[in-house]
């Protein structure tokens, strides 16, 4: 009976010890990996949207509005086709990030206009426009910018939009 009553006391110190050992093992593995996750980092949109040369890809909303009004930019919607059809910036192309390989062939000819390319999606944490912007830069488009939270900001400002049908 004595050995049975000591089991709960044994578990009370073994469970936290096992949790600490698992955390320590995870930290050591992360440190040893070449592609480990940084423990402390800058996760702001500015840091996530900086290219290899250290240039920010972010376009301020007012600047994007001026580019639109002067017809100096081509807006590219990174959201799904369904979201694009429900509403998008007037004249924007649909290039859903989830289907970028297949959809790029359809729109690549229209992207070669020499204009600034402005990618956008919806929400401050939306990463689709960022991923699409870096993809387009890799495909050789030199002037690609990202309008963070673009769809929401555009609607709030009551700027021209289009809907399918």
Protein backbone atom coordinates (compact mmCIF):
# COMPACT_ATOMS: atom_id res chain seq x y z
CA UNK A 1 0.00 0.00 0.00
CA UNK A 2 2.90 2.29 0.61
CA UNK A 3 4.13 2.07 -3.01
CA UNK A 4 0.65 2.92 -4.38
CA UNK A 5 0.31 6.03 -2.26
CA UNK A 6 3.73 7.32 -3.40
CA UNK A 7 2.75 7.26 -7.10
CA UNK A 8 0.70 10.51 -7.11
CA UNK A 9 3.56 12.33 -5.38
CA UNK A 10 5.95 10.95 -7.97
CA UNK A 11 3.78 12.24 -10.82
CA UNK A 12 3.57 15.72 -9.34
CA UNK A 13 7.29 16.30 -9.91
CA UNK A 14 7.77 14.04 -12.96
CA UNK A 15 5.23 15.80 -15.22
CA UNK A 16 6.78 19.28 -14.88
CA UNK A 17 10.25 17.76 -15.22
CA UNK A 18 9.25 16.05 -18.48
CA UNK A 19 7.74 19.31 -19.79
CA UNK A 20 10.94 21.22 -18.98
CA UNK A 21 13.05 18.51 -20.65
CA UNK A 22 10.87 18.71 -23.81
CA UNK A 23 11.17 22.50 -23.91
CA UNK A 24 14.94 22.33 -23.44
CA UNK A 25 15.26 19.73 -26.21
CA UNK A 26 13.16 21.90 -28.53
CA UNK A 27 15.30 24.97 -27.82
CA UNK A 28 18.54 23.06 -28.42
CA UNK A 29 17.22 21.60 -31.71
CA UNK A 30 16.10 25.06 -32.88
CA UNK A 31 19.52 26.55 -32.09
CA UNK A 32 21.34 23.76 -33.95
CA UNK A 33 19.19 24.00 -37.08
CA UNK A 34 20.44 26.21 -39.89
CA UNK A 35 16.87 27.39 -40.52
CA UNK A 36 15.82 27.73 -36.88
CA UNK A 37 13.17 30.21 -35.81
CA UNK A 38 14.47 33.40 -34.20
CA UNK A 39 13.41 33.74 -30.57
CA UNK A 40 13.49 37.50 -30.74
CA UNK A 41 12.68 39.26 -33.97
CA UNK A 42 10.97 42.09 -35.66
CA UNK A 43 7.64 40.80 -37.01
CA UNK A 44 6.32 44.19 -38.09
CA UNK A 45 5.02 44.65 -41.65
CA UNK A 46 8.02 46.89 -42.37
CA UNK A 47 10.52 44.15 -41.56
CA UNK A 48 8.56 41.42 -43.33
CA UNK A 49 8.21 43.59 -46.44
CA UNK A 50 11.83 44.50 -47.03
CA UNK A 51 13.66 43.01 -50.00
CA UNK A 52 17.21 41.60 -50.10
CA UNK A 53 18.67 45.06 -50.69
CA UNK A 54 16.92 46.41 -47.60
CA UNK A 55 14.33 48.40 -49.56
CA UNK A 56 10.80 48.47 -48.18
CA UNK A 57 8.09 47.21 -50.54
CA UNK A 58 5.33 48.97 -48.61
CA UNK A 59 3.41 51.64 -50.43
CA UNK A 60 1.55 54.11 -48.25
CA UNK A 61 -2.18 54.29 -48.84
CA UNK A 62 -2.07 57.91 -50.04
CA UNK A 63 0.71 57.10 -52.48
CA UNK A 64 -1.29 54.12 -53.78
CA UNK A 65 -4.30 56.37 -54.26
CA UNK A 66 -2.21 58.85 -56.28
CA UNK A 67 -0.76 56.02 -58.39
CA UNK A 68 -4.32 54.83 -59.06
CA UNK A 69 -5.61 58.29 -59.96
CA UNK A 70 -2.69 58.92 -62.33
CA UNK A 71 -3.06 55.43 -63.84
CA UNK A 72 0.60 54.83 -62.96
CA UNK A 73 0.13 51.48 -61.25
CA UNK A 74 -1.34 48.10 -61.95
CA UNK A 75 -3.11 46.70 -58.90
CA UNK A 76 -2.97 42.94 -58.38
CA UNK A 77 -5.32 41.17 -55.98
CA UNK A 78 -3.63 38.26 -54.18
CA UNK A 79 -6.85 36.97 -52.61
CA UNK A 80 -8.85 33.98 -53.85
CA UNK A 81 -10.78 34.21 -57.10
CA UNK A 82 -14.05 34.13 -55.13
CA UNK A 83 -13.02 37.09 -52.95
CA UNK A 84 -11.86 38.97 -56.05
CA UNK A 85 -15.25 38.42 -57.72
CA UNK A 86 -17.06 39.62 -54.59
CA UNK A 87 -15.21 42.92 -54.91
CA UNK A 88 -11.82 44.33 -55.86
CA UNK A 89 -10.04 47.57 -56.65
CA UNK A 90 -11.30 48.87 -59.98
CA UNK A 91 -9.12 47.57 -62.81
CA UNK A 92 -7.16 45.19 -60.57
CA UNK A 93 -5.98 41.85 -61.91
CA UNK A 94 -6.68 38.65 -60.04
CA UNK A 95 -3.58 36.61 -59.25
CA UNK A 96 -4.54 34.39 -56.29
CA UNK A 97 -1.45 33.39 -54.35
CA UNK A 98 -2.83 29.88 -53.80
CA UNK A 99 -2.97 29.37 -57.58
CA UNK A 100 -0.04 31.58 -58.60
CA UNK A 101 1.68 28.99 -60.80
CA UNK A 102 -1.37 28.40 -63.00
CA UNK A 103 -2.76 31.95 -62.88
CA UNK A 104 0.53 33.70 -63.62
CA UNK A 105 0.54 32.54 -67.24
CA UNK A 106 -2.89 34.13 -67.73
CA UNK A 107 -1.92 37.58 -66.45
CA UNK A 108 1.82 37.83 -67.14
CA UNK A 109 1.28 39.63 -70.46
CA UNK A 110 -0.81 42.30 -68.77
CA UNK A 111 1.82 42.79 -66.05
CA UNK A 112 4.48 43.89 -68.53
CA UNK A 113 3.14 47.41 -68.83
CA UNK A 114 6.11 49.21 -67.26
CA UNK A 115 3.88 50.44 -64.45
CA UNK A 116 4.40 50.02 -60.74
CA UNK A 117 2.77 46.77 -59.61
CA UNK A 118 0.85 47.08 -56.33
CA UNK A 119 -0.21 43.83 -54.70
CA UNK A 120 -2.87 43.76 -52.01
CA UNK A 121 -5.04 41.45 -49.95
CA UNK A 122 -7.23 42.05 -46.89
CA UNK A 123 -6.20 42.47 -43.27
CA UNK A 124 -3.03 43.77 -41.66
CA UNK A 125 -1.79 40.24 -41.02
CA UNK A 126 -2.59 38.98 -44.53
CA UNK A 127 0.62 37.61 -46.02
CA UNK A 128 -0.72 36.80 -49.51
CA UNK A 129 0.23 40.18 -51.00
CA UNK A 130 3.72 39.93 -49.50
CA UNK A 131 4.29 36.46 -50.93
CA UNK A 132 2.95 37.55 -54.31
CA UNK A 133 5.15 40.68 -54.35
CA UNK A 134 8.31 38.66 -53.70
CA UNK A 135 7.25 36.14 -56.36
CA UNK A 136 6.76 38.92 -58.92
CA UNK A 137 10.15 40.42 -58.06
CA UNK A 138 11.73 37.00 -58.61
CA UNK A 139 9.94 36.82 -61.97
CA UNK A 140 11.74 40.00 -63.02
CA UNK A 141 9.31 42.79 -62.23
CA UNK A 142 11.48 45.52 -60.71
CA UNK A 143 8.88 47.92 -59.29
CA UNK A 144 6.59 45.86 -57.07
CA UNK A 145 4.97 47.35 -53.97
CA UNK A 146 2.57 46.06 -51.30
CA UNK A 147 -0.48 47.91 -50.03
CA UNK A 148 -0.88 46.48 -46.53
CA UNK A 149 -4.54 45.85 -45.64
CA UNK A 150 -5.31 47.20 -49.11
CA UNK A 151 -8.85 45.99 -49.66
CA UNK A 152 -10.12 47.23 -46.30
CA UNK A 153 -8.43 50.62 -46.64
CA UNK A 154 -9.70 51.03 -50.21
CA UNK A 155 -13.29 50.35 -49.19
CA UNK A 156 -13.10 52.64 -46.16
CA UNK A 157 -11.94 55.46 -48.41
CA UNK A 158 -14.84 54.68 -50.77
CA UNK A 159 -12.54 54.52 -53.77
CA UNK A 160 -13.65 52.84 -57.03
CA UNK A 161 -14.30 49.11 -56.81
CA UNK A 162 -15.70 46.47 -59.15
CA UNK A 163 -17.68 43.32 -58.55
CA UNK A 164 -18.14 40.35 -60.88
CA UNK A 165 -21.38 40.32 -62.81
